[in-house]
Amino acid sequence: MTPWAEIARQLAPTAQVASVTAVGGGCINQTSRLRLNDGQCYFVKLNDAGRLPMLAAERAGLEVLAQTGAMRVPRPLLHGVAGRHAFLILEWLEMRSQGDARQLGENLAALHAATAPDFGFAQDNFIGSTPQPNGWLDNWIAFWRIRRLGFQLDLAARHGYCFGSLGERLLAGLPAFFRGYTPRPALLHGDLWGGNHGYLADGAPVLFDPAPYYGDREADLAMTELFGGFDPDFYAAYRACAPPDAGYPVRRELYNLYHILNHANLFSAGYARQAEGMMQRLLAELG
């Protein structure tokens, strides 16, 4: 049984479905454009009903990013359950792949200017479909060791990946990557690869699919370089507003290791081999 009539009813008691069109939107959720009989269109994410906490966390993250006023995000409208499906409804935005990359860089720097007393977030959320623990800590190195790399390494071990002593040695050596550098808690998008941004018709940038928390802003910047998809003007504008520390090129790999481990845990052993190489290079930096 399709959930669309029930979703329309929850949006408006008298609403009827005019059309549902599948759209691209990743491999975790089913994504569609819902058009009602009043002409209004919505972007809808569907998953199994048990995935409601994941969609609820995404809504909460979008709301926090929107509250800063720094960056346009799709406005979340409703989340809930319809039959066997969980859903999240966002405003429909017509987006394109090209736009004002300089504004994107400036807006991201403005987002990172939003801060908090400690590292973490008001609630746990998800990176892809993997749980992302965000319990507050006042020490960034401890946060990265426990909430990020340590969590993913433990999950990798449960999935049967064996990195020998590489993970333990890297976790023990983390302080060396932060000599002379003390990051402050900045509000991060948290999952900032190229597929999670777009542009409106007037060129204004939009971010979506966040996994936010307060952390080192370099972690967001690093992920933009992991898979590509960001214009040189984006980096020039960001660096003009908020230049990275001199140690960023090494920490970039440390931060992207988190995402490669997550890809290994979500998708394939090929990413585990990539993570192993990253850990070996990072340990080589320690001498």
Protein backbone atom coordinates (compact mmCIF):
# COMPACT_ATOMS: atom_id res chain seq x y z
CA MET A 1 0.00 0.00 0.00
CA THR A 2 1.39 3.40 -0.97
CA PRO A 3 1.69 6.02 1.79
CA TRP A 4 1.04 9.08 -0.38
CA ALA A 5 -2.64 9.66 0.40
CA GLU A 6 -1.89 9.49 4.14
CA ILE A 7 1.08 11.84 3.78
CA ALA A 8 -1.10 14.31 1.88
CA ARG A 9 -3.78 14.05 4.58
CA GLN A 10 -1.22 14.85 7.27
CA LEU A 11 -0.09 17.89 5.30
CA ALA A 12 -3.66 19.14 4.91
CA PRO A 13 -6.89 17.27 5.78
CA THR A 14 -8.52 17.92 2.40
CA ALA A 15 -5.40 17.58 0.24
CA GLN A 16 -5.28 15.05 -2.57
CA VAL A 17 -2.28 13.72 -4.46
CA ALA A 18 -1.92 15.04 -7.99
CA SER A 19 1.39 13.34 -8.84
CA VAL A 20 4.44 11.69 -7.34
CA THR A 21 7.72 11.79 -9.27
CA ALA A 22 10.89 10.01 -8.21
CA VAL A 23 13.93 12.29 -7.99
CA GLY A 24 17.61 11.69 -7.29
CA GLY A 25 18.59 12.05 -3.67
CA GLY A 26 21.07 9.44 -2.53
CA CYS A 27 21.02 5.76 -1.72
CA ILE A 28 19.60 5.74 1.83
CA ASN A 29 16.12 7.19 1.38
CA GLN A 30 13.54 7.04 -1.39
CA THR A 31 13.12 10.63 -2.57
CA SER A 32 10.18 12.05 -4.52
CA ARG A 33 8.50 15.25 -5.66
CA LEU A 34 4.97 15.31 -4.32
CA ARG A 35 2.45 17.57 -6.06
CA LEU A 36 -0.95 18.12 -4.46
CA ASN A 37 -4.19 19.09 -6.17
CA ASP A 38 -3.72 22.71 -5.05
CA GLY A 39 -0.52 22.90 -7.13
CA GLN A 40 1.86 22.94 -4.18
CA CYS A 41 4.99 20.79 -4.52
CA TYR A 42 7.09 19.19 -1.78
CA PHE A 43 10.28 17.18 -1.51
CA VAL A 44 9.61 13.95 0.39
CA LYS A 45 12.00 11.42 1.86
CA LEU A 46 10.66 7.95 2.60
CA ASN A 47 12.15 5.07 4.54
CA ASP A 48 11.00 2.20 6.71
CA ALA A 49 8.97 3.28 9.74
CA GLY A 50 11.81 2.22 12.00
CA ARG A 51 13.98 4.92 10.42
CA LEU A 52 11.84 7.72 11.82
CA PRO A 53 14.57 8.81 14.31
CA MET A 54 16.96 9.35 11.39
CA LEU A 55 14.50 11.62 9.56
CA ALA A 56 13.54 13.42 12.78
CA ALA A 57 17.23 14.14 13.43
CA GLU A 58 17.62 15.52 9.92
CA ARG A 59 14.69 17.87 10.49
CA ALA A 60 16.21 19.07 13.76
CA GLY A 61 19.56 19.65 12.07
CA LEU A 62 18.02 21.67 9.25
CA GLU A 63 16.17 23.80 11.78
CA VAL A 64 19.37 24.58 13.71
CA LEU A 65 21.23 25.53 10.52
CA ALA A 66 18.32 27.71 9.40
CA GLN A 67 18.22 29.53 12.74
CA THR A 68 21.71 30.92 12.17
CA GLY A 69 20.56 32.84 9.09
CA ALA A 70 23.97 32.12 7.59
CA MET A 71 22.96 29.63 4.91
CA ARG A 72 19.82 28.76 2.96
CA VAL A 73 18.54 25.25 3.65
CA PRO A 74 15.28 23.60 2.59
CA ARG A 75 12.59 24.41 5.14
CA PRO A 76 11.43 21.25 6.93
CA LEU A 77 7.65 21.06 7.17
CA LEU A 78 6.60 17.73 8.64
CA HIS A 79 7.90 14.33 9.63
CA GLY A 80 6.02 11.30 10.80
CA VAL A 81 4.80 7.81 9.94
CA ALA A 82 2.35 6.73 7.25
CA GLY A 83 1.65 3.01 7.39
CA ARG A 84 4.94 1.14 7.15
CA HIS A 85 6.85 4.24 6.09
CA ALA A 86 8.58 7.09 7.89
CA PHE A 87 8.66 10.36 5.99
CA LEU A 88 10.19 13.81 6.04
CA ILE A 89 8.63 16.63 4.02
CA LEU A 90 10.69 19.63 2.93
CA GLU A 91 9.86 22.64 0.84
CA TRP A 92 10.46 22.02 -2.85
CA LEU A 93 13.37 24.04 -4.21
CA GLU A 94 14.31 24.08 -7.88
CA MET A 95 18.08 23.71 -7.80
CA ARG A 96 20.91 23.49 -10.26
CA SER A 97 24.55 22.43 -10.00
CA GLN A 98 26.13 25.81 -10.78
CA GLY A 99 25.78 29.15 -9.02
CA ASP A 100 27.55 31.68 -6.85
CA ALA A 101 30.41 29.61 -5.43
CA ARG A 102 31.93 32.65 -3.72
CA GLN A 103 28.73 33.21 -1.79
CA LEU A 104 28.77 29.55 -0.78
CA GLY A 105 32.24 30.02 0.70
CA GLU A 106 31.23 33.20 2.51
CA ASN A 107 28.05 31.60 3.84
CA LEU A 108 29.90 28.55 5.11
CA ALA A 109 32.34 30.79 6.96
CA ALA A 110 29.35 32.60 8.49
CA LEU A 111 27.83 29.26 9.54
CA HIS A 112 31.11 28.32 11.21
CA ALA A 113 31.01 31.57 13.16
CA ALA A 114 28.07 30.17 15.13
CA THR A 115 29.55 28.64 18.26
CA ALA A 116 28.75 26.81 21.51
CA PRO A 117 30.49 26.37 24.88
CA ASP A 118 31.49 22.74 24.15
CA PHE A 119 31.86 20.24 21.32
CA GLY A 120 28.86 18.15 20.36
CA PHE A 121 25.19 18.75 19.70
CA ALA A 122 21.89 18.82 21.56
CA GLN A 123 21.03 15.36 20.25
CA ASP A 124 22.66 12.43 18.52
CA ASN A 125 22.04 12.18 14.80
CA PHE A 126 23.20 10.14 11.81
CA ILE A 127 25.99 10.25 9.24
CA GLY A 128 24.31 8.55 6.33
CA SER A 129 22.38 5.84 8.16
CA THR A 130 25.11 5.32 10.76
CA PRO A 131 24.37 6.67 14.26
CA GLN A 132 26.52 9.69 15.10
CA PRO A 133 26.95 10.24 18.86
CA ASN A 134 27.16 13.91 19.84
CA GLY A 135 27.34 13.96 23.64
CA TRP A 136 28.96 17.19 24.78
CA LEU A 137 32.68 17.26 25.65
CA ASP A 138 34.82 20.29 26.44
CA ASN A 139 37.94 18.82 24.77
CA TRP A 140 38.06 18.53 20.99
CA ILE A 141 40.76 15.84 20.88
CA ALA A 142 38.73 13.70 23.28
CA PHE A 143 35.60 14.32 21.21
CA TRP A 144 37.31 13.24 17.99
CA ARG A 145 38.85 10.21 19.67
CA ILE A 146 35.68 8.97 21.40
CA ARG A 147 32.70 10.24 19.40
CA ARG A 148 34.18 10.04 15.91
CA LEU A 149 37.21 7.85 15.10
CA GLY A 150 36.84 5.53 18.08
CA PHE A 151 33.16 4.97 17.39
CA GLN A 152 33.78 4.15 13.71
CA LEU A 153 36.74 1.90 14.49
CA ASP A 154 34.65 -0.07 16.99
CA LEU A 155 31.91 -0.41 14.39
CA ALA A 156 34.46 -1.53 11.78
CA ALA A 157 35.71 -4.24 14.15
CA ARG A 158 32.13 -5.50 14.57
CA HIS A 159 31.88 -5.65 10.77
CA GLY A 160 34.98 -7.83 10.63
CA TYR A 161 37.54 -5.26 9.46
CA CYS A 162 40.95 -5.72 11.08
CA PHE A 163 43.39 -2.83 11.15
CA GLY A 164 45.78 -4.41 13.61
CA SER A 165 47.20 -1.80 15.96
CA LEU A 166 46.80 1.06 13.49
CA GLY A 167 43.63 2.44 15.04
CA GLU A 168 44.86 2.22 18.62
CA ARG A 169 48.16 3.89 17.76
CA LEU A 170 46.42 6.67 15.86
CA LEU A 171 43.97 7.37 18.67
CA ALA A 172 46.83 7.52 21.17
CA GLY A 173 48.77 9.91 18.94
CA LEU A 174 45.97 12.39 18.24
CA PRO A 175 47.39 15.23 20.41
CA ALA A 176 50.40 15.52 18.08
CA PHE A 177 48.16 16.72 15.25
CA PHE A 178 46.98 19.67 17.34
CA ARG A 179 50.23 21.14 18.65
CA GLY A 180 49.84 24.91 18.55
CA TYR A 181 46.24 24.68 17.37
CA THR A 182 43.17 24.85 19.59
CA PRO A 183 39.91 24.76 17.61
CA ARG A 184 36.77 26.35 18.99
CA PRO A 185 33.34 24.72 18.68
CA ALA A 186 31.92 25.87 15.33
CA LEU A 187 28.55 24.81 13.93
CA LEU A 188 29.27 22.31 11.16
CA HIS A 189 27.13 20.96 8.36
CA GLY A 190 28.78 17.65 9.17
CA ASP A 191 28.36 15.83 5.84
CA LEU A 192 29.59 18.41 3.36
CA TRP A 193 30.38 16.47 0.22
CA GLY A 194 29.61 17.88 -3.22
CA GLY A 195 26.24 16.17 -3.52
CA ASN A 196 24.84 18.03 -0.52
CA HIS A 197 24.83 21.51 -1.99
CA GLY A 198 23.11 23.20 -4.91
CA TYR A 199 22.06 26.60 -6.20
CA LEU A 200 18.77 28.39 -6.81
CA ALA A 201 17.95 30.04 -10.11
CA ASP A 202 19.40 33.35 -8.89
CA GLY A 203 22.68 31.64 -8.00
CA ALA A 204 22.09 31.58 -4.24
CA PRO A 205 23.65 28.49 -2.61
CA VAL A 206 21.66 25.90 -0.65
CA LEU A 207 22.92 23.21 1.74
CA PHE A 208 20.93 20.10 2.60
CA ASP A 209 21.25 16.61 4.15
CA PRO A 210 23.19 17.82 7.20
CA ALA A 211 24.65 15.83 10.11
CA PRO A 212 25.43 18.86 12.26
CA TYR A 213 27.37 19.29 15.46
CA TYR A 214 29.75 21.83 16.99
CA GLY A 215 33.32 20.91 16.11
CA ASP A 216 36.49 22.05 14.39
CA ARG A 217 35.49 23.97 11.27
CA GLU A 218 38.36 22.29 9.42
CA ALA A 219 36.37 19.03 9.52
CA ASP A 220 33.74 20.55 7.20
CA LEU A 221 36.38 22.09 4.95
CA ALA A 222 38.21 18.77 4.75
CA MET A 223 35.17 16.87 3.54
CA THR A 224 34.63 19.33 0.69
CA GLU A 225 37.98 18.08 -0.64
CA LEU A 226 37.30 14.36 -0.13
CA PHE A 227 35.21 13.68 -3.24
CA GLY A 228 35.50 17.02 -5.07
CA GLY A 229 32.60 19.03 -6.47
CA PHE A 230 33.46 22.49 -5.11
CA ASP A 231 34.60 25.40 -7.25
CA PRO A 232 37.97 27.13 -6.63
CA ASP A 233 36.03 30.36 -5.98
CA PHE A 234 34.39 28.63 -3.01
CA TYR A 235 37.76 27.98 -1.39
CA ALA A 236 39.09 31.44 -2.18
CA ALA A 237 36.05 33.10 -0.59
CA TYR A 238 36.10 30.84 2.48
CA ARG A 239 39.81 31.36 3.08
CA ALA A 240 39.43 35.13 2.71
CA CYS A 241 36.87 35.03 5.53
CA ALA A 242 38.44 32.33 7.71
CA PRO A 243 41.93 31.16 6.73
CA PRO A 244 42.72 27.59 7.84
CA ASP A 245 45.57 26.98 10.26
CA ALA A 246 48.97 25.96 8.83
CA GLY A 247 48.45 22.39 10.08
CA TYR A 248 45.22 21.89 8.14
CA PRO A 249 46.71 19.85 5.23
CA VAL A 250 47.65 17.02 7.63
CA ARG A 251 44.49 17.24 9.74
CA ARG A 252 42.45 17.12 6.52
CA GLU A 253 43.30 13.43 6.19
CA LEU A 254 42.59 12.85 9.87
CA TYR A 255 39.13 14.33 9.50
CA ASN A 256 38.34 12.57 6.23
CA LEU A 257 39.34 9.24 7.76
CA TYR A 258 36.09 9.43 9.73
CA HIS A 259 34.04 9.52 6.54
CA ILE A 260 36.04 6.79 4.80
CA LEU A 261 35.59 4.53 7.82
CA ASN A 262 31.88 5.30 7.72
CA HIS A 263 31.76 4.40 4.02
CA ALA A 264 33.48 1.12 4.85
CA ASN A 265 30.89 0.44 7.52
CA LEU A 266 28.03 1.33 5.19
CA PHE A 267 29.14 0.07 1.80
CA SER A 268 32.25 -2.02 1.08
CA ALA A 269 35.64 -3.35 2.08
CA GLY A 270 37.26 -1.18 -0.58
CA TYR A 271 36.81 1.79 1.72
CA ALA A 272 38.37 -0.21 4.56
CA ARG A 273 41.52 -0.63 2.49
CA GLN A 274 41.50 3.11 1.80
CA ALA A 275 41.10 3.81 5.53
CA GLU A 276 44.03 1.53 6.31
CA GLY A 277 46.25 3.50 3.92
CA MET A 278 45.12 6.78 5.46
CA MET A 279 45.97 5.54 8.95
CA GLN A 280 49.41 4.43 7.79
CA ARG A 281 50.12 7.87 6.28
CA LEU A 282 48.89 9.67 9.39
CA LEU A 283 51.08 7.52 11.64
CA ALA A 284 54.03 8.27 9.37
CA GLU A 285 53.47 11.97 10.12
CA LEU A 286 54.05 11.17 13.80
CA GLY A 287 57.47 9.68 13.04
